[in-house]
Amino acid sequence: MKRLALALCALVAAAAPALAQAPAGPPSPPKRLLTQALLDKIVAELPPLTRELEALGKDYDEALGGPDGEEGQPGEIQAALAALAADAKVKAIVSRHGLNEGFWQAYGALFYGYSAVAMESAAADAEKSQPGMGAMLADMVKQSKAWVHPEDFALVKKNRAKIEKLFEELDRND
């Protein structure tokens, strides 16, 4: 767990320049996208769904992470998720896993919600060890939260351990 927190702090520090240049938030207030049942379904289905999508090859990897595997800014990731949602092969895979066309938006809410929850925790820890660092991270948390409905954020926060385990599994399989 400590290693994960350090890795997250490194990720946040590496992303700071890009996030500082990112727009303050989405163009409109975010919609509520998650329920407990949908969050549980995503957590259960994402690992096998991801394996199927990865079998599609390079296009999927580049859409989500770019050719170098680095994640883009929030707007870029949202555009990539929308492009994936429009692809017929991707739609078929998502449907086979019992998810509908709203899956990609819900996944985005889960992803940004988890990022904000993790950054909130990192900001609190950073402020204890390096005064002033928490304030810098607080702005990044605010930017991530802008992409997530407050009730979705609360649901993600409540399920943090479950989501953390999911992302650790996905990282191991990557």
N, C-alpha and C. Protein backbone atom coordinates (compact mmCIF):
# COMPACT_ATOMS: atom_id res chain seq x y z
N MET A 1 0.83 -1.19 0.00
CA MET A 1 0.00 0.00 0.00
C MET A 1 0.88 1.25 0.00
N LYS A 2 1.96 1.23 0.79
CA LYS A 2 2.85 2.37 0.83
C LYS A 2 3.50 2.58 -0.53
N ARG A 3 3.87 1.48 -1.21
CA ARG A 3 4.47 1.57 -2.54
C ARG A 3 3.48 2.19 -3.52
N LEU A 4 2.21 1.80 -3.42
CA LEU A 4 1.18 2.36 -4.29
C LEU A 4 1.04 3.86 -4.04
N ALA A 5 1.06 4.28 -2.78
CA ALA A 5 0.94 5.70 -2.46
C ALA A 5 2.12 6.48 -3.03
N LEU A 6 3.33 5.92 -2.92
CA LEU A 6 4.50 6.59 -3.48
C LEU A 6 4.42 6.67 -5.00
N ALA A 7 3.95 5.58 -5.62
CA ALA A 7 3.79 5.58 -7.07
C ALA A 7 2.77 6.63 -7.49
N LEU A 8 1.70 6.74 -6.73
CA LEU A 8 0.66 7.72 -7.04
C LEU A 8 1.22 9.13 -6.91
N CYS A 9 2.01 9.38 -5.87
CA CYS A 9 2.62 10.70 -5.71
C CYS A 9 3.55 11.01 -6.89
N ALA A 10 4.30 10.01 -7.34
CA ALA A 10 5.18 10.20 -8.50
C ALA A 10 4.35 10.51 -9.74
N LEU A 11 3.24 9.80 -9.92
CA LEU A 11 2.35 10.03 -11.06
C LEU A 11 1.80 11.44 -11.01
N VAL A 12 1.36 11.87 -9.84
CA VAL A 12 0.80 13.21 -9.69
C VAL A 12 1.86 14.26 -9.99
N ALA A 13 3.06 14.06 -9.48
CA ALA A 13 4.14 15.02 -9.73
C ALA A 13 4.48 15.09 -11.22
N ALA A 14 4.49 13.93 -11.88
CA ALA A 14 4.78 13.90 -13.31
C ALA A 14 3.68 14.56 -14.12
N ALA A 15 2.45 14.45 -13.66
CA ALA A 15 1.31 15.00 -14.39
C ALA A 15 1.07 16.47 -14.10
N ALA A 16 1.71 17.01 -13.10
CA ALA A 16 1.44 18.39 -12.68
C ALA A 16 1.57 19.40 -13.82
N PRO A 17 2.63 19.37 -14.63
CA PRO A 17 2.72 20.37 -15.69
C PRO A 17 1.56 20.27 -16.69
N ALA A 18 1.18 19.07 -17.07
CA ALA A 18 0.08 18.90 -18.03
C ALA A 18 -1.24 19.35 -17.43
N LEU A 19 -1.48 19.00 -16.17
CA LEU A 19 -2.74 19.38 -15.54
C LEU A 19 -2.81 20.88 -15.30
N ALA A 20 -1.68 21.50 -15.06
CA ALA A 20 -1.67 22.94 -14.85
C ALA A 20 -2.11 23.67 -16.12
N GLN A 21 -1.86 23.05 -17.29
CA GLN A 21 -2.24 23.65 -18.57
C GLN A 21 -3.61 23.18 -19.02
N ALA A 22 -4.19 22.20 -18.36
CA ALA A 22 -5.48 21.65 -18.76
C ALA A 22 -6.59 22.63 -18.44
N PRO A 23 -7.70 22.55 -19.18
CA PRO A 23 -8.82 23.41 -18.85
C PRO A 23 -9.31 23.14 -17.43
N ALA A 24 -9.93 24.14 -16.81
CA ALA A 24 -10.35 24.02 -15.42
C ALA A 24 -11.37 22.92 -15.19
N GLY A 25 -12.09 22.52 -16.20
CA GLY A 25 -13.09 21.47 -16.03
C GLY A 25 -13.85 21.23 -17.31
N PRO A 26 -14.86 20.42 -17.23
CA PRO A 26 -15.64 20.08 -18.41
C PRO A 26 -16.46 21.28 -18.88
N PRO A 27 -16.89 21.27 -20.13
CA PRO A 27 -17.65 22.40 -20.64
C PRO A 27 -19.02 22.59 -19.98
N SER A 28 -19.57 21.54 -19.41
CA SER A 28 -20.86 21.65 -18.73
C SER A 28 -20.81 20.83 -17.45
N PRO A 29 -21.72 21.08 -16.51
CA PRO A 29 -21.69 20.28 -15.28
C PRO A 29 -21.85 18.79 -15.60
N PRO A 30 -21.10 17.95 -14.89
CA PRO A 30 -21.19 16.50 -15.16
C PRO A 30 -22.53 15.91 -14.74
N LYS A 31 -22.95 14.89 -15.47
CA LYS A 31 -24.19 14.17 -15.16
C LYS A 31 -23.87 13.05 -14.17
N ARG A 32 -24.87 12.64 -13.42
CA ARG A 32 -24.74 11.47 -12.54
C ARG A 32 -24.73 10.24 -13.44
N LEU A 33 -23.71 9.41 -13.34
CA LEU A 33 -23.54 8.27 -14.23
C LEU A 33 -23.45 6.93 -13.51
N LEU A 34 -23.09 6.93 -12.23
CA LEU A 34 -22.82 5.68 -11.53
C LEU A 34 -23.91 5.35 -10.51
N THR A 35 -24.14 4.05 -10.38
CA THR A 35 -24.92 3.49 -9.28
C THR A 35 -24.03 2.42 -8.66
N GLN A 36 -24.37 1.95 -7.49
CA GLN A 36 -23.58 0.88 -6.88
C GLN A 36 -23.58 -0.35 -7.78
N ALA A 37 -24.74 -0.69 -8.35
CA ALA A 37 -24.83 -1.87 -9.21
C ALA A 37 -23.95 -1.72 -10.45
N LEU A 38 -23.95 -0.54 -11.07
CA LEU A 38 -23.13 -0.34 -12.27
C LEU A 38 -21.65 -0.34 -11.91
N LEU A 39 -21.29 0.30 -10.80
CA LEU A 39 -19.89 0.28 -10.36
C LEU A 39 -19.43 -1.16 -10.14
N ASP A 40 -20.24 -1.96 -9.47
CA ASP A 40 -19.89 -3.36 -9.23
C ASP A 40 -19.74 -4.13 -10.54
N LYS A 41 -20.62 -3.85 -11.50
CA LYS A 41 -20.57 -4.51 -12.81
C LYS A 41 -19.28 -4.13 -13.54
N ILE A 42 -18.92 -2.86 -13.52
CA ILE A 42 -17.68 -2.41 -14.17
C ILE A 42 -16.48 -3.08 -13.53
N VAL A 43 -16.45 -3.12 -12.21
CA VAL A 43 -15.33 -3.74 -11.50
C VAL A 43 -15.21 -5.22 -11.88
N ALA A 44 -16.32 -5.90 -12.00
CA ALA A 44 -16.31 -7.33 -12.35
C ALA A 44 -15.94 -7.56 -13.81
N GLU A 45 -16.42 -6.72 -14.68
CA GLU A 45 -16.27 -6.96 -16.13
C GLU A 45 -15.06 -6.31 -16.77
N LEU A 46 -14.48 -5.29 -16.14
CA LEU A 46 -13.40 -4.57 -16.79
C LEU A 46 -12.16 -5.42 -17.10
N PRO A 47 -11.69 -6.29 -16.20
CA PRO A 47 -10.51 -7.09 -16.57
C PRO A 47 -10.73 -7.96 -17.82
N PRO A 48 -11.81 -8.77 -17.89
CA PRO A 48 -11.97 -9.57 -19.11
C PRO A 48 -12.30 -8.69 -20.33
N LEU A 49 -13.04 -7.62 -20.14
CA LEU A 49 -13.35 -6.72 -21.25
C LEU A 49 -12.07 -6.09 -21.79
N THR A 50 -11.18 -5.68 -20.90
CA THR A 50 -9.91 -5.08 -21.30
C THR A 50 -9.07 -6.06 -22.10
N ARG A 51 -9.04 -7.32 -21.67
CA ARG A 51 -8.27 -8.32 -22.43
C ARG A 51 -8.81 -8.45 -23.86
N GLU A 52 -10.13 -8.44 -24.02
CA GLU A 52 -10.71 -8.52 -25.35
C GLU A 52 -10.38 -7.28 -26.17
N LEU A 53 -10.45 -6.13 -25.55
CA LEU A 53 -10.14 -4.89 -26.27
C LEU A 53 -8.67 -4.85 -26.68
N GLU A 54 -7.81 -5.32 -25.80
CA GLU A 54 -6.38 -5.34 -26.13
C GLU A 54 -6.09 -6.27 -27.30
N ALA A 55 -6.91 -7.29 -27.47
CA ALA A 55 -6.75 -8.19 -28.61
C ALA A 55 -7.03 -7.46 -29.92
N LEU A 56 -7.74 -6.33 -29.86
CA LEU A 56 -7.96 -5.53 -31.07
C LEU A 56 -6.68 -4.86 -31.53
N GLY A 57 -5.74 -4.69 -30.61
CA GLY A 57 -4.42 -4.20 -30.99
C GLY A 57 -4.13 -2.76 -30.68
N LYS A 58 -3.20 -2.24 -31.44
CA LYS A 58 -2.60 -0.93 -31.21
C LYS A 58 -3.62 0.21 -31.17
N ASP A 59 -4.66 0.15 -31.99
CA ASP A 59 -5.62 1.26 -32.04
C ASP A 59 -6.25 1.51 -30.68
N TYR A 60 -6.57 0.43 -29.97
CA TYR A 60 -7.17 0.57 -28.64
C TYR A 60 -6.18 1.20 -27.68
N ASP A 61 -4.95 0.70 -27.67
CA ASP A 61 -3.94 1.24 -26.77
C ASP A 61 -3.69 2.72 -27.02
N GLU A 62 -3.60 3.11 -28.28
CA GLU A 62 -3.34 4.50 -28.59
C GLU A 62 -4.53 5.38 -28.24
N ALA A 63 -5.74 4.87 -28.41
CA ALA A 63 -6.92 5.67 -28.10
C ALA A 63 -6.97 6.02 -26.62
N LEU A 64 -6.62 5.08 -25.78
CA LEU A 64 -6.68 5.33 -24.34
C LEU A 64 -5.42 5.96 -23.78
N GLY A 65 -4.26 5.55 -24.28
CA GLY A 65 -3.04 6.02 -23.64
C GLY A 65 -2.05 6.69 -24.55
N GLY A 66 -2.33 6.80 -25.82
CA GLY A 66 -1.36 7.37 -26.74
C GLY A 66 -0.31 6.36 -27.09
N PRO A 67 0.49 6.61 -28.11
CA PRO A 67 1.47 5.64 -28.58
C PRO A 67 2.54 5.31 -27.55
N ASP A 68 2.81 6.25 -26.63
CA ASP A 68 3.83 6.00 -25.62
C ASP A 68 3.25 5.46 -24.32
N GLY A 69 1.93 5.21 -24.29
CA GLY A 69 1.30 4.65 -23.11
C GLY A 69 0.96 5.67 -22.04
N GLU A 70 1.28 6.94 -22.28
CA GLU A 70 0.98 7.98 -21.29
C GLU A 70 -0.46 8.43 -21.45
N GLU A 71 -1.14 8.65 -20.34
CA GLU A 71 -2.51 9.14 -20.39
C GLU A 71 -2.51 10.62 -20.71
N GLY A 72 -3.51 11.04 -21.46
CA GLY A 72 -3.63 12.43 -21.85
C GLY A 72 -4.37 13.25 -20.82
N GLN A 73 -4.70 14.46 -21.21
CA GLN A 73 -5.46 15.36 -20.36
C GLN A 73 -6.92 14.94 -20.39
N PRO A 74 -7.71 15.40 -19.41
CA PRO A 74 -9.10 14.95 -19.31
C PRO A 74 -9.90 15.05 -20.60
N GLY A 75 -9.83 16.16 -21.30
CA GLY A 75 -10.58 16.31 -22.54
C GLY A 75 -10.15 15.32 -23.60
N GLU A 76 -8.84 15.04 -23.66
CA GLU A 76 -8.32 14.08 -24.63
C GLU A 76 -8.81 12.67 -24.32
N ILE A 77 -8.83 12.32 -23.04
CA ILE A 77 -9.29 10.99 -22.65
C ILE A 77 -10.78 10.86 -22.93
N GLN A 78 -11.56 11.91 -22.64
CA GLN A 78 -13.00 11.87 -22.93
C GLN A 78 -13.23 11.67 -24.42
N ALA A 79 -12.46 12.36 -25.27
CA ALA A 79 -12.61 12.21 -26.72
C ALA A 79 -12.24 10.79 -27.15
N ALA A 80 -11.20 10.23 -26.54
CA ALA A 80 -10.79 8.86 -26.88
C ALA A 80 -11.87 7.86 -26.48
N LEU A 81 -12.46 8.06 -25.30
CA LEU A 81 -13.54 7.16 -24.86
C LEU A 81 -14.74 7.27 -25.79
N ALA A 82 -15.06 8.47 -26.25
CA ALA A 82 -16.18 8.65 -27.18
C ALA A 82 -15.90 7.94 -28.50
N ALA A 83 -14.66 8.02 -28.98
CA ALA A 83 -14.29 7.34 -30.22
C ALA A 83 -14.41 5.83 -30.05
N LEU A 84 -13.98 5.31 -28.92
CA LEU A 84 -14.10 3.88 -28.67
C LEU A 84 -15.57 3.47 -28.62
N ALA A 85 -16.39 4.27 -27.97
CA ALA A 85 -17.81 3.96 -27.84
C ALA A 85 -18.49 3.89 -29.20
N ALA A 86 -17.97 4.61 -30.18
CA ALA A 86 -18.57 4.64 -31.52
C ALA A 86 -18.12 3.48 -32.40
N ASP A 87 -17.05 2.79 -32.02
CA ASP A 87 -16.51 1.70 -32.84
C ASP A 87 -17.39 0.45 -32.73
N ALA A 88 -17.77 -0.12 -33.88
CA ALA A 88 -18.68 -1.28 -33.91
C ALA A 88 -18.09 -2.49 -33.18
N LYS A 89 -16.80 -2.76 -33.38
CA LYS A 89 -16.16 -3.91 -32.71
C LYS A 89 -16.16 -3.73 -31.20
N VAL A 90 -15.88 -2.51 -30.77
CA VAL A 90 -15.85 -2.20 -29.34
C VAL A 90 -17.26 -2.32 -28.76
N LYS A 91 -18.25 -1.80 -29.47
CA LYS A 91 -19.64 -1.91 -29.01
C LYS A 91 -20.02 -3.37 -28.79
N ALA A 92 -19.62 -4.23 -29.71
CA ALA A 92 -19.96 -5.66 -29.60
C ALA A 92 -19.31 -6.28 -28.37
N ILE A 93 -18.07 -5.93 -28.10
CA ILE A 93 -17.37 -6.46 -26.93
C ILE A 93 -18.04 -5.98 -25.64
N VAL A 94 -18.32 -4.68 -25.58
CA VAL A 94 -18.96 -4.11 -24.40
C VAL A 94 -20.31 -4.79 -24.16
N SER A 95 -21.06 -4.97 -25.22
CA SER A 95 -22.38 -5.60 -25.12
C SER A 95 -22.28 -7.05 -24.63
N ARG A 96 -21.28 -7.78 -25.10
CA ARG A 96 -21.08 -9.17 -24.65
C ARG A 96 -20.85 -9.26 -23.14
N HIS A 97 -20.36 -8.19 -22.58
CA HIS A 97 -20.09 -8.16 -21.14
C HIS A 97 -21.26 -7.58 -20.35
N GLY A 98 -22.39 -7.43 -21.02
CA GLY A 98 -23.60 -6.99 -20.33
C GLY A 98 -23.63 -5.51 -20.00
N LEU A 99 -22.83 -4.75 -20.70
CA LEU A 99 -22.79 -3.30 -20.48
C LEU A 99 -23.39 -2.61 -21.70
N ASN A 100 -23.92 -1.39 -21.50
CA ASN A 100 -24.55 -0.70 -22.62
C ASN A 100 -23.66 0.42 -23.13
N GLU A 101 -24.22 1.21 -24.03
CA GLU A 101 -23.43 2.28 -24.65
C GLU A 101 -22.99 3.34 -23.66
N GLY A 102 -23.63 3.46 -22.52
CA GLY A 102 -23.23 4.42 -21.51
C GLY A 102 -22.03 3.97 -20.68
N PHE A 103 -21.53 2.78 -20.97
CA PHE A 103 -20.40 2.23 -20.21
C PHE A 103 -19.21 3.18 -20.20
N TRP A 104 -18.84 3.71 -21.37
CA TRP A 104 -17.61 4.51 -21.45
C TRP A 104 -17.73 5.79 -20.63
N GLN A 105 -18.89 6.40 -20.62
CA GLN A 105 -19.07 7.59 -19.78
C GLN A 105 -18.98 7.21 -18.31
N ALA A 106 -19.60 6.10 -17.94
CA ALA A 106 -19.55 5.64 -16.55
C ALA A 106 -18.13 5.29 -16.15
N TYR A 107 -17.39 4.64 -17.06
CA TYR A 107 -15.98 4.32 -16.78
C TYR A 107 -15.18 5.61 -16.58
N GLY A 108 -15.47 6.63 -17.39
CA GLY A 108 -14.80 7.91 -17.22
C GLY A 108 -15.06 8.50 -15.84
N ALA A 109 -16.31 8.42 -15.39
CA ALA A 109 -16.65 8.92 -14.06
C ALA A 109 -15.91 8.14 -12.98
N LEU A 110 -15.83 6.83 -13.14
CA LEU A 110 -15.11 6.00 -12.17
C LEU A 110 -13.63 6.36 -12.18
N PHE A 111 -13.04 6.49 -13.37
CA PHE A 111 -11.62 6.80 -13.52
C PHE A 111 -11.28 8.16 -12.89
N TYR A 112 -12.03 9.20 -13.27
CA TYR A 112 -11.75 10.53 -12.74
C TYR A 112 -12.08 10.62 -11.26
N GLY A 113 -13.15 9.95 -10.85
CA GLY A 113 -13.48 9.93 -9.43
C GLY A 113 -12.39 9.28 -8.61
N TYR A 114 -11.90 8.15 -9.08
CA TYR A 114 -10.82 7.46 -8.37
C TYR A 114 -9.55 8.32 -8.35
N SER A 115 -9.24 8.94 -9.49
CA SER A 115 -8.05 9.82 -9.55
C SER A 115 -8.16 10.93 -8.51
N ALA A 116 -9.35 11.54 -8.42
CA ALA A 116 -9.54 12.63 -7.46
C ALA A 116 -9.44 12.13 -6.02
N VAL A 117 -10.03 10.97 -5.74
CA VAL A 117 -9.95 10.40 -4.39
C VAL A 117 -8.49 10.12 -4.02
N ALA A 118 -7.77 9.51 -4.94
CA ALA A 118 -6.36 9.18 -4.68
C ALA A 118 -5.53 10.45 -4.51
N MET A 119 -5.78 11.46 -5.35
CA MET A 119 -5.04 12.71 -5.24
C MET A 119 -5.37 13.45 -3.94
N GLU A 120 -6.62 13.37 -3.50
CA GLU A 120 -7.01 13.98 -2.22
C GLU A 120 -6.18 13.40 -1.09
N SER A 121 -6.06 12.09 -1.10
CA SER A 121 -5.29 11.40 -0.07
C SER A 121 -3.81 11.77 -0.18
N ALA A 122 -3.30 11.80 -1.41
CA ALA A 122 -1.90 12.15 -1.63
C ALA A 122 -1.63 13.58 -1.19
N ALA A 123 -2.59 14.48 -1.45
CA ALA A 123 -2.42 15.88 -1.05
C ALA A 123 -2.30 16.00 0.47
N ALA A 124 -3.16 15.27 1.18
CA ALA A 124 -3.11 15.31 2.64
C ALA A 124 -1.77 14.78 3.16
N ASP A 125 -1.31 13.66 2.57
CA ASP A 125 -0.02 13.09 2.98
C ASP A 125 1.14 14.01 2.62
N ALA A 126 1.08 14.61 1.42
CA ALA A 126 2.16 15.49 0.97
C ALA A 126 2.27 16.73 1.84
N GLU A 127 1.12 17.25 2.25
CA GLU A 127 1.13 18.46 3.07
C GLU A 127 1.82 18.20 4.41
N LYS A 128 1.65 16.98 4.93
CA LYS A 128 2.30 16.62 6.20
C LYS A 128 3.81 16.59 6.05
N SER A 129 4.30 16.04 4.93
CA SER A 129 5.74 15.87 4.75
C SER A 129 6.40 17.07 4.06
N GLN A 130 5.65 17.77 3.20
CA GLN A 130 6.20 18.92 2.48
C GLN A 130 5.17 20.04 2.46
N PRO A 131 5.20 20.91 3.46
CA PRO A 131 4.22 22.00 3.50
C PRO A 131 4.18 22.77 2.18
N GLY A 132 2.98 23.05 1.72
CA GLY A 132 2.79 23.76 0.45
C GLY A 132 2.46 22.84 -0.70
N MET A 133 2.94 21.61 -0.64
CA MET A 133 2.69 20.64 -1.71
C MET A 133 1.21 20.28 -1.76
N GLY A 134 0.56 20.22 -0.62
CA GLY A 134 -0.86 19.89 -0.57
C GLY A 134 -1.71 20.90 -1.33
N ALA A 135 -1.32 22.18 -1.27
CA ALA A 135 -2.07 23.22 -1.98
C ALA A 135 -1.96 23.02 -3.49
N MET A 136 -0.77 22.66 -3.97
CA MET A 136 -0.60 22.41 -5.40
C MET A 136 -1.47 21.23 -5.84
N LEU A 137 -1.47 20.20 -5.05
CA LEU A 137 -2.25 19.01 -5.38
C LEU A 137 -3.75 19.28 -5.25
N ALA A 138 -4.13 20.17 -4.36
CA ALA A 138 -5.55 20.49 -4.17
C ALA A 138 -6.16 21.04 -5.46
N ASP A 139 -5.40 21.82 -6.22
CA ASP A 139 -5.89 22.34 -7.49
C ASP A 139 -6.09 21.20 -8.49
N MET A 140 -5.20 20.24 -8.48
CA MET A 140 -5.33 19.08 -9.37
C MET A 140 -6.56 18.26 -8.98
N VAL A 141 -6.81 18.12 -7.69
CA VAL A 141 -7.99 17.40 -7.20
C VAL A 141 -9.24 18.12 -7.70
N LYS A 142 -9.25 19.43 -7.58
CA LYS A 142 -10.40 20.22 -8.03
C LYS A 142 -10.66 20.00 -9.53
N GLN A 143 -9.60 19.96 -10.33
CA GLN A 143 -9.75 19.74 -11.77
C GLN A 143 -10.32 18.36 -12.06
N SER A 144 -9.84 17.34 -11.36
CA SER A 144 -10.36 15.99 -11.57
C SER A 144 -11.82 15.89 -11.13
N LYS A 145 -12.14 16.49 -9.99
CA LYS A 145 -13.51 16.45 -9.48
C LYS A 145 -14.49 17.15 -10.42
N ALA A 146 -14.01 18.12 -11.18
CA ALA A 146 -14.88 18.86 -12.10
C ALA A 146 -15.48 17.96 -13.18
N TRP A 147 -14.87 16.81 -13.40
CA TRP A 147 -15.33 15.88 -14.43
C TRP A 147 -16.30 14.85 -13.88
N VAL A 148 -16.59 14.91 -12.57
CA VAL A 148 -17.39 13.87 -11.91
C VAL A 148 -18.53 14.51 -11.11
N HIS A 149 -19.71 13.94 -11.23
CA HIS A 149 -20.85 14.40 -10.43
C HIS A 149 -20.53 14.14 -8.95
N PRO A 150 -20.91 15.05 -8.06
CA PRO A 150 -20.60 14.87 -6.64
C PRO A 150 -21.09 13.53 -6.05
N GLU A 151 -22.25 13.05 -6.47
CA GLU A 151 -22.74 11.77 -5.96
C GLU A 151 -21.92 10.60 -6.51
N ASP A 152 -21.44 10.72 -7.75
CA ASP A 152 -20.55 9.69 -8.30
C ASP A 152 -19.22 9.69 -7.54
N PHE A 153 -18.72 10.90 -7.22
CA PHE A 153 -17.48 11.01 -6.46
C PHE A 153 -17.63 10.34 -5.10
N ALA A 154 -18.76 10.59 -4.43
CA ALA A 154 -19.00 9.99 -3.11
C ALA A 154 -19.06 8.46 -3.22
N LEU A 155 -19.68 7.96 -4.27
CA LEU A 155 -19.78 6.51 -4.47
C LEU A 155 -18.40 5.90 -4.73
N VAL A 156 -17.61 6.57 -5.54
CA VAL A 156 -16.25 6.09 -5.81
C VAL A 156 -15.43 6.10 -4.53
N LYS A 157 -15.55 7.17 -3.76
CA LYS A 157 -14.80 7.28 -2.50
C LYS A 157 -15.18 6.14 -1.55
N LYS A 158 -16.47 5.83 -1.50
CA LYS A 158 -16.96 4.74 -0.65
C LYS A 158 -16.39 3.39 -1.09
N ASN A 159 -16.14 3.24 -2.38
CA ASN A 159 -15.66 1.98 -2.96
C ASN A 159 -14.18 2.02 -3.32
N ARG A 160 -13.44 2.92 -2.70
CA ARG A 160 -12.04 3.13 -3.07
C ARG A 160 -11.22 1.83 -3.05
N ALA A 161 -11.33 1.05 -2.01
CA ALA A 161 -10.51 -0.16 -1.90
C ALA A 161 -10.80 -1.12 -3.05
N LYS A 162 -12.06 -1.28 -3.38
CA LYS A 162 -12.46 -2.17 -4.47
C LYS A 162 -11.91 -1.68 -5.81
N ILE A 163 -11.97 -0.38 -6.04
CA ILE A 163 -11.49 0.20 -7.30
C ILE A 163 -9.98 0.15 -7.36
N GLU A 164 -9.34 0.41 -6.24
CA GLU A 164 -7.88 0.33 -6.18
C GLU A 164 -7.41 -1.08 -6.54
N LYS A 165 -8.08 -2.07 -6.01
CA LYS A 165 -7.74 -3.46 -6.32
C LYS A 165 -7.92 -3.73 -7.82
N LEU A 166 -8.99 -3.19 -8.41
CA LEU A 166 -9.24 -3.34 -9.84
C LEU A 166 -8.09 -2.76 -10.65
N PHE A 167 -7.69 -1.53 -10.37
CA PHE A 167 -6.62 -0.90 -11.14
C PHE A 167 -5.28 -1.59 -10.92
N GLU A 168 -5.02 -2.11 -9.72
CA GLU A 168 -3.80 -2.88 -9.49
C GLU A 168 -3.80 -4.14 -10.35
N GLU A 169 -4.96 -4.80 -10.44
CA GLU A 169 -5.09 -6.01 -11.28
C GLU A 169 -4.84 -5.66 -12.75
N LEU A 170 -5.43 -4.57 -13.20
CA LEU A 170 -5.24 -4.16 -14.60
C LEU A 170 -3.78 -3.84 -14.87
N ASP A 171 -3.09 -3.19 -13.91
CA ASP A 171 -1.67 -2.89 -14.08
C ASP A 171 -0.84 -4.16 -14.15
N ARG A 172 -1.16 -5.13 -13.33
CA ARG A 172 -0.41 -6.41 -13.36
C ARG A 172 -0.58 -7.13 -14.68
N ASN A 173 -1.76 -7.01 -15.26
CA ASN A 173 -2.05 -7.71 -16.52
C ASN A 173 -1.58 -6.93 -17.74
N ASP A 174 -1.11 -5.71 -17.54
CA ASP A 174 -0.71 -4.87 -18.67
C ASP A 174 0.67 -5.20 -19.16
